[in-house]
Amino acid sequence: MNYLGIARQENGRIVMPDAFGEGVEGQMYEVIEVGGDILLTTTPLDRRRLERIEQLTKSSIEDHRKTLDGLGR
């Protein structure tokens, strides 16, 4: 996983960080919302791949929350 920076909203559009520009011009992405988090993935996104992304994302979020709970104690 690579951290690319922070995206921002301007004039109703999402502006991606400069590091995101290293990809192919005009490439299309699938946009997925999982638990209020927005994920971008390259197309095509079949049902099996979407289910796997959702599973891994939920697991990661749960692990992160456990870590934060542990630090808060």
PDB file of N, CA and C in Angstrom:
ATOM      1  N   MET A   1       0.846  -1.171   0.000  1.00  0.00           N
ATOM      2  CA  MET A   1       0.000   0.000   0.000  1.00  0.00           C
ATOM      3  C   MET A   1       0.889   1.230   0.000  1.00  0.00           C
ATOM      4  N   ASN A   2       0.526   2.218  -0.808  1.00  0.00           N
ATOM      5  CA  ASN A   2       1.255   3.481  -0.852  1.00  0.00           C
ATOM      6  C   ASN A   2       0.337   4.601  -0.417  1.00  0.00           C
ATOM      7  N   TYR A   3       0.817   5.431   0.486  1.00  0.00           N
ATOM      8  CA  TYR A   3       0.068   6.619   0.881  1.00  0.00           C
ATOM      9  C   TYR A   3       0.371   7.709  -0.138  1.00  0.00           C
ATOM     10  N   LEU A   4      -0.659   8.223  -0.794  1.00  0.00           N
ATOM     11  CA  LEU A   4      -0.460   9.205  -1.860  1.00  0.00           C
ATOM     12  C   LEU A   4      -0.710  10.642  -1.415  1.00  0.00           C
ATOM     13  N   GLY A   5      -1.352  10.837  -0.302  1.00  0.00           N
ATOM     14  CA  GLY A   5      -1.648  12.191   0.158  1.00  0.00           C
ATOM     15  C   GLY A   5      -3.130  12.369   0.396  1.00  0.00           C
ATOM     16  N   ILE A   6      -3.559  13.600   0.440  1.00  0.00           N
ATOM     17  CA  ILE A   6      -4.942  13.935   0.774  1.00  0.00           C
ATOM     18  C   ILE A   6      -5.658  14.485  -0.451  1.00  0.00           C
ATOM     19  N   ALA A   7      -6.832  13.934  -0.717  1.00  0.00           N
ATOM     20  CA  ALA A   7      -7.687  14.467  -1.785  1.00  0.00           C
ATOM     21  C   ALA A   7      -8.562  15.567  -1.183  1.00  0.00           C
ATOM     22  N   ARG A   8      -8.984  16.511  -1.999  1.00  0.00           N
ATOM     23  CA  ARG A   8      -9.850  17.588  -1.501  1.00  0.00           C
ATOM     24  C   ARG A   8     -10.961  17.841  -2.508  1.00  0.00           C
ATOM     25  N   GLN A   9     -12.017  18.455  -2.031  1.00  0.00           N
ATOM     26  CA  GLN A   9     -13.134  18.753  -2.910  1.00  0.00           C
ATOM     27  C   GLN A   9     -13.076  20.231  -3.305  1.00  0.00           C
ATOM     28  N   GLU A  10     -13.163  20.490  -4.612  1.00  0.00           N
ATOM     29  CA  GLU A  10     -13.165  21.857  -5.146  1.00  0.00           C
ATOM     30  C   GLU A  10     -14.203  21.940  -6.255  1.00  0.00           C
ATOM     31  N   ASN A  11     -15.099  22.889  -6.144  1.00  0.00           N
ATOM     32  CA  ASN A  11     -16.113  23.116  -7.183  1.00  0.00           C
ATOM     33  C   ASN A  11     -16.867  21.838  -7.546  1.00  0.00           C
ATOM     34  N   GLY A  12     -17.228  21.051  -6.537  1.00  0.00           N
ATOM     35  CA  GLY A  12     -17.992  19.835  -6.773  1.00  0.00           C
ATOM     36  C   GLY A  12     -17.191  18.677  -7.338  1.00  0.00           C
ATOM     37  N   ARG A  13     -15.876  18.807  -7.415  1.00  0.00           N
ATOM     38  CA  ARG A  13     -15.019  17.740  -7.956  1.00  0.00           C
ATOM     39  C   ARG A  13     -13.992  17.342  -6.906  1.00  0.00           C
ATOM     40  N   ILE A  14     -13.562  16.097  -6.964  1.00  0.00           N
ATOM     41  CA  ILE A  14     -12.508  15.623  -6.072  1.00  0.00           C
ATOM     42  C   ILE A  14     -11.162  15.857  -6.757  1.00  0.00           C
ATOM     43  N   VAL A  15     -10.274  16.570  -6.093  1.00  0.00           N
ATOM     44  CA  VAL A  15      -8.928  16.833  -6.612  1.00  0.00           C
ATOM     45  C   VAL A  15      -7.973  15.909  -5.867  1.00  0.00           C
ATOM     46  N   MET A  16      -7.299  15.079  -6.634  1.00  0.00           N
ATOM     47  CA  MET A  16      -6.393  14.092  -6.054  1.00  0.00           C
ATOM     48  C   MET A  16      -5.026  14.717  -5.772  1.00  0.00           C
ATOM     49  N   PRO A  17      -4.257  14.123  -4.848  1.00  0.00           N
ATOM     50  CA  PRO A  17      -2.919  14.633  -4.554  1.00  0.00           C
ATOM     51  C   PRO A  17      -1.986  14.470  -5.749  1.00  0.00           C
ATOM     52  N   ASP A  18      -0.928  15.254  -5.783  1.00  0.00           N
ATOM     53  CA  ASP A  18       0.022  15.218  -6.898  1.00  0.00           C
ATOM     54  C   ASP A  18       0.590  13.825  -7.145  1.00  0.00           C
ATOM     55  N   ALA A  19       0.855  13.060  -6.098  1.00  0.00           N
ATOM     56  CA  ALA A  19       1.439  11.728  -6.252  1.00  0.00           C
ATOM     57  C   ALA A  19       0.510  10.788  -7.018  1.00  0.00           C
ATOM     58  N   PHE A  20      -0.777  11.065  -7.024  1.00  0.00           N
ATOM     59  CA  PHE A  20      -1.743  10.245  -7.746  1.00  0.00           C
ATOM     60  C   PHE A  20      -1.559  10.405  -9.248  1.00  0.00           C
ATOM     61  N   GLY A  21      -1.006  11.519  -9.685  1.00  0.00           N
ATOM     62  CA  GLY A  21      -0.826  11.809 -11.098  1.00  0.00           C
ATOM     63  C   GLY A  21       0.191  10.936 -11.809  1.00  0.00           C
ATOM     64  N   GLU A  22       0.848  10.039 -11.077  1.00  0.00           N
ATOM     65  CA  GLU A  22       1.846   9.156 -11.687  1.00  0.00           C
ATOM     66  C   GLU A  22       1.198   8.047 -12.508  1.00  0.00           C
ATOM     67  N   GLY A  23      -0.120   7.911 -12.443  1.00  0.00           N
ATOM     68  CA  GLY A  23      -0.825   6.869 -13.184  1.00  0.00           C
ATOM     69  C   GLY A  23      -1.004   7.242 -14.645  1.00  0.00           C
ATOM     70  N   VAL A  24      -1.772   6.432 -15.357  1.00  0.00           N
ATOM     71  CA  VAL A  24      -2.021   6.633 -16.776  1.00  0.00           C
ATOM     72  C   VAL A  24      -3.102   7.695 -16.972  1.00  0.00           C
ATOM     73  N   GLU A  25      -2.844   8.673 -17.817  1.00  0.00           N
ATOM     74  CA  GLU A  25      -3.812   9.736 -18.109  1.00  0.00           C
ATOM     75  C   GLU A  25      -5.088   9.138 -18.684  1.00  0.00           C
ATOM     76  N   GLY A  26      -6.220   9.550 -18.177  1.00  0.00           N
ATOM     77  CA  GLY A  26      -7.508   9.088 -18.683  1.00  0.00           C
ATOM     78  C   GLY A  26      -7.948   7.738 -18.144  1.00  0.00           C
ATOM     79  N   GLN A  27      -7.163   7.147 -17.249  1.00  0.00           N
ATOM     80  CA  GLN A  27      -7.534   5.845 -16.688  1.00  0.00           C
ATOM     81  C   GLN A  27      -8.794   5.999 -15.847  1.00  0.00           C
ATOM     82  N   MET A  28      -9.671   5.008 -15.923  1.00  0.00           N
ATOM     83  CA  MET A  28     -10.920   5.018 -15.170  1.00  0.00           C
ATOM     84  C   MET A  28     -10.729   4.249 -13.870  1.00  0.00           C
ATOM     85  N   TYR A  29     -11.459   4.674 -12.835  1.00  0.00           N
ATOM     86  CA  TYR A  29     -11.406   4.019 -11.534  1.00  0.00           C
ATOM     87  C   TYR A  29     -12.813   3.734 -11.046  1.00  0.00           C
ATOM     88  N   GLU A  30     -12.944   2.649 -10.291  1.00  0.00           N
ATOM     89  CA  GLU A  30     -14.185   2.354  -9.579  1.00  0.00           C
ATOM     90  C   GLU A  30     -14.097   3.070  -8.237  1.00  0.00           C
ATOM     91  N   VAL A  31     -15.183   3.657  -7.784  1.00  0.00           N
ATOM     92  CA  VAL A  31     -15.231   4.345  -6.500  1.00  0.00           C
ATOM     93  C   VAL A  31     -16.133   3.534  -5.576  1.00  0.00           C
ATOM     94  N   ILE A  32     -15.606   3.180  -4.418  1.00  0.00           N
ATOM     95  CA  ILE A  32     -16.320   2.330  -3.470  1.00  0.00           C
ATOM     96  C   ILE A  32     -16.380   3.044  -2.129  1.00  0.00           C
ATOM     97  N   GLU A  33     -17.542   3.016  -1.489  1.00  0.00           N
ATOM     98  CA  GLU A  33     -17.649   3.547  -0.138  1.00  0.00           C
ATOM     99  C   GLU A  33     -17.838   2.379   0.815  1.00  0.00           C
ATOM    100  N   VAL A  34     -16.962   2.288   1.809  1.00  0.00           N
ATOM    101  CA  VAL A  34     -17.033   1.228   2.814  1.00  0.00           C
ATOM    102  C   VAL A  34     -16.963   1.887   4.182  1.00  0.00           C
ATOM    103  N   GLY A  35     -18.058   1.829   4.910  1.00  0.00           N
ATOM    104  CA  GLY A  35     -18.072   2.403   6.257  1.00  0.00           C
ATOM    105  C   GLY A  35     -17.725   3.869   6.294  1.00  0.00           C
ATOM    106  N   GLY A  36     -18.125   4.618   5.278  1.00  0.00           N
ATOM    107  CA  GLY A  36     -17.841   6.044   5.221  1.00  0.00           C
ATOM    108  C   GLY A  36     -16.491   6.379   4.620  1.00  0.00           C
ATOM    109  N   ASP A  37     -15.686   5.371   4.307  1.00  0.00           N
ATOM    110  CA  ASP A  37     -14.387   5.587   3.674  1.00  0.00           C
ATOM    111  C   ASP A  37     -14.526   5.383   2.174  1.00  0.00           C
ATOM    112  N   ILE A  38     -13.861   6.223   1.387  1.00  0.00           N
ATOM    113  CA  ILE A  38     -13.913   6.152  -0.067  1.00  0.00           C
ATOM    114  C   ILE A  38     -12.647   5.456  -0.567  1.00  0.00           C
ATOM    115  N   LEU A  39     -12.830   4.441  -1.405  1.00  0.00           N
ATOM    116  CA  LEU A  39     -11.712   3.717  -2.001  1.00  0.00           C
ATOM    117  C   LEU A  39     -11.775   3.854  -3.512  1.00  0.00           C
ATOM    118  N   LEU A  40     -10.631   3.991  -4.141  1.00  0.00           N
ATOM    119  CA  LEU A  40     -10.541   3.985  -5.600  1.00  0.00           C
ATOM    120  C   LEU A  40      -9.797   2.736  -6.016  1.00  0.00           C
ATOM    121  N   THR A  41     -10.288   2.065  -7.040  1.00  0.00           N
ATOM    122  CA  THR A  41      -9.610   0.895  -7.576  1.00  0.00           C
ATOM    123  C   THR A  41      -9.748   0.908  -9.092  1.00  0.00           C
ATOM    124  N   THR A  42      -8.796   0.330  -9.757  1.00  0.00           N
ATOM    125  CA  THR A  42      -8.848   0.317 -11.215  1.00  0.00           C
ATOM    126  C   THR A  42      -9.981  -0.575 -11.708  1.00  0.00           C
ATOM    127  N   THR A  43     -10.474  -0.296 -12.885  1.00  0.00           N
ATOM    128  CA  THR A  43     -11.549  -1.085 -13.483  1.00  0.00           C
ATOM    129  C   THR A  43     -10.945  -2.264 -14.226  1.00  0.00           C
ATOM    130  N   PRO A  44     -11.653  -3.280 -14.564  1.00  0.00           N
ATOM    131  CA  PRO A  44     -13.021  -3.551 -14.152  1.00  0.00           C
ATOM    132  C   PRO A  44     -13.054  -4.169 -12.754  1.00  0.00           C
ATOM    133  N   LEU A  45     -14.147  -3.992 -12.070  1.00  0.00           N
ATOM    134  CA  LEU A  45     -14.313  -4.496 -10.715  1.00  0.00           C
ATOM    135  C   LEU A  45     -15.442  -5.518 -10.717  1.00  0.00           C
ATOM    136  N   ASP A  46     -15.070  -6.787 -10.694  1.00  0.00           N
ATOM    137  CA  ASP A  46     -16.105  -7.814 -10.695  1.00  0.00           C
ATOM    138  C   ASP A  46     -16.623  -8.045  -9.272  1.00  0.00           C
ATOM    139  N   ARG A  47     -17.698  -8.790  -9.186  1.00  0.00           N
ATOM    140  CA  ARG A  47     -18.368  -8.989  -7.906  1.00  0.00           C
ATOM    141  C   ARG A  47     -17.457  -9.669  -6.885  1.00  0.00           C
ATOM    142  N   ARG A  48     -16.688 -10.674  -7.298  1.00  0.00           N
ATOM    143  CA  ARG A  48     -15.785 -11.370  -6.385  1.00  0.00           C
ATOM    144  C   ARG A  48     -14.716 -10.434  -5.829  1.00  0.00           C
ATOM    145  N   ARG A  49     -14.162  -9.620  -6.698  1.00  0.00           N
ATOM    146  CA  ARG A  49     -13.117  -8.677  -6.271  1.00  0.00           C
ATOM    147  C   ARG A  49     -13.689  -7.626  -5.330  1.00  0.00           C
ATOM    148  N   LEU A  50     -14.900  -7.141  -5.623  1.00  0.00           N
ATOM    149  CA  LEU A  50     -15.548  -6.166  -4.754  1.00  0.00           C
ATOM    150  C   LEU A  50     -15.808  -6.764  -3.362  1.00  0.00           C
ATOM    151  N   GLU A  51     -16.278  -8.005  -3.314  1.00  0.00           N
ATOM    152  CA  GLU A  51     -16.523  -8.660  -2.029  1.00  0.00           C
ATOM    153  C   GLU A  51     -15.225  -8.816  -1.237  1.00  0.00           C
ATOM    154  N   ARG A  52     -14.134  -9.151  -1.920  1.00  0.00           N
ATOM    155  CA  ARG A  52     -12.836  -9.308  -1.253  1.00  0.00           C
ATOM    156  C   ARG A  52     -12.329  -7.969  -0.726  1.00  0.00           C
ATOM    157  N   ILE A  53     -12.488  -6.910  -1.498  1.00  0.00           N
ATOM    158  CA  ILE A  53     -12.084  -5.573  -1.052  1.00  0.00           C
ATOM    159  C   ILE A  53     -12.881  -5.181   0.187  1.00  0.00           C
ATOM    160  N   GLU A  54     -14.175  -5.419   0.156  1.00  0.00           N
ATOM    161  CA  GLU A  54     -15.022  -5.075   1.295  1.00  0.00           C
ATOM    162  C   GLU A  54     -14.607  -5.867   2.542  1.00  0.00           C
ATOM    163  N   GLN A  55     -14.337  -7.155   2.372  1.00  0.00           N
ATOM    164  CA  GLN A  55     -13.918  -8.000   3.486  1.00  0.00           C
ATOM    165  C   GLN A  55     -12.601  -7.500   4.088  1.00  0.00           C
ATOM    166  N   LEU A  56     -11.614  -7.245   3.241  1.00  0.00           N
ATOM    167  CA  LEU A  56     -10.318  -6.786   3.724  1.00  0.00           C
ATOM    168  C   LEU A  56     -10.393  -5.410   4.366  1.00  0.00           C
ATOM    169  N   THR A  57     -11.207  -4.540   3.799  1.00  0.00           N
ATOM    170  CA  THR A  57     -11.352  -3.194   4.341  1.00  0.00           C
ATOM    171  C   THR A  57     -11.999  -3.226   5.717  1.00  0.00           C
ATOM    172  N   LYS A  58     -13.075  -3.989   5.852  1.00  0.00           N
ATOM    173  CA  LYS A  58     -13.735  -4.099   7.161  1.00  0.00           C
ATOM    174  C   LYS A  58     -12.791  -4.681   8.200  1.00  0.00           C
ATOM    175  N   SER A  59     -12.031  -5.692   7.817  1.00  0.00           N
ATOM    176  CA  SER A  59     -11.073  -6.297   8.733  1.00  0.00           C
ATOM    177  C   SER A  59     -10.014  -5.288   9.169  1.00  0.00           C
ATOM    178  N   SER A  60      -9.521  -4.513   8.218  1.00  0.00           N
ATOM    179  CA  SER A  60      -8.508  -3.504   8.519  1.00  0.00           C
ATOM    180  C   SER A  60      -9.054  -2.430   9.459  1.00  0.00           C
ATOM    181  N   ILE A  61     -10.275  -1.998   9.204  1.00  0.00           N
ATOM    182  CA  ILE A  61     -10.899  -0.972  10.058  1.00  0.00           C
ATOM    183  C   ILE A  61     -11.088  -1.508  11.474  1.00  0.00           C
ATOM    184  N   GLU A  62     -11.561  -2.760  11.589  1.00  0.00           N
ATOM    185  CA  GLU A  62     -11.747  -3.362  12.913  1.00  0.00           C
ATOM    186  C   GLU A  62     -10.422  -3.477  13.659  1.00  0.00           C
ATOM    187  N   ASP A  63      -9.373  -3.911  12.972  1.00  0.00           N
ATOM    188  CA  ASP A  63      -8.049  -4.011  13.601  1.00  0.00           C
ATOM    189  C   ASP A  63      -7.556  -2.646  14.060  1.00  0.00           C
ATOM    190  N   HIS A  64      -7.767  -1.636  13.243  1.00  0.00           N
ATOM    191  CA  HIS A  64      -7.330  -0.282  13.585  1.00  0.00           C
ATOM    192  C   HIS A  64      -8.081   0.228  14.814  1.00  0.00           C
ATOM    193  N   ARG A  65      -9.382  -0.025  14.874  1.00  0.00           N
ATOM    194  CA  ARG A  65     -10.170   0.406  16.035  1.00  0.00           C
ATOM    195  C   ARG A  65      -9.697  -0.289  17.310  1.00  0.00           C
ATOM    196  N   LYS A  66      -9.366  -1.593  17.216  1.00  0.00           N
ATOM    197  CA  LYS A  66      -8.849  -2.312  18.387  1.00  0.00           C
ATOM    198  C   LYS A  66      -7.546  -1.695  18.863  1.00  0.00           C
ATOM    199  N   THR A  67      -6.688  -1.330  17.909  1.00  0.00           N
ATOM    200  CA  THR A  67      -5.421  -0.696  18.259  1.00  0.00           C
ATOM    201  C   THR A  67      -5.658   0.634  18.965  1.00  0.00           C
ATOM    202  N   LEU A  68      -6.565   1.436  18.425  1.00  0.00           N
ATOM    203  CA  LEU A  68      -6.867   2.729  19.042  1.00  0.00           C
ATOM    204  C   LEU A  68      -7.480   2.562  20.432  1.00  0.00           C
ATOM    205  N   ASP A  69      -8.360   1.571  20.587  1.00  0.00           N
ATOM    206  CA  ASP A  69      -8.945   1.301  21.901  1.00  0.00           C
ATOM    207  C   ASP A  69      -7.875   0.925  22.883  1.00  0.00           C
ATOM    208  N   GLY A  70      -6.921   0.081  22.467  1.00  0.00           N
ATOM    209  CA  GLY A  70      -5.828  -0.325  23.326  1.00  0.00           C
ATOM    210  C   GLY A  70      -4.948   0.836  23.733  1.00  0.00           C
ATOM    211  N   LEU A  71      -4.687   1.737  22.801  1.00  0.00           N
ATOM    212  CA  LEU A  71      -3.872   2.918  23.116  1.00  0.00           C
ATOM    213  C   LEU A  71      -4.597   3.874  24.049  1.00  0.00           C
ATOM    214  N   GLY A  72      -5.930   3.902  23.952  1.00  0.00           N
ATOM    215  CA  GLY A  72      -6.718   4.811  24.769  1.00  0.00           C
ATOM    216  C   GLY A  72      -6.813   4.364  26.227  1.00  0.00           C
ATOM    217  N   ARG A  73      -6.470   3.124  26.495  1.00  0.00           N
ATOM    218  CA  ARG A  73      -6.587   2.609  27.877  1.00  0.00           C
ATOM    219  C   ARG A  73      -5.375   2.869  28.688  1.00  0.00           C
TER     220      ARG A  73
END
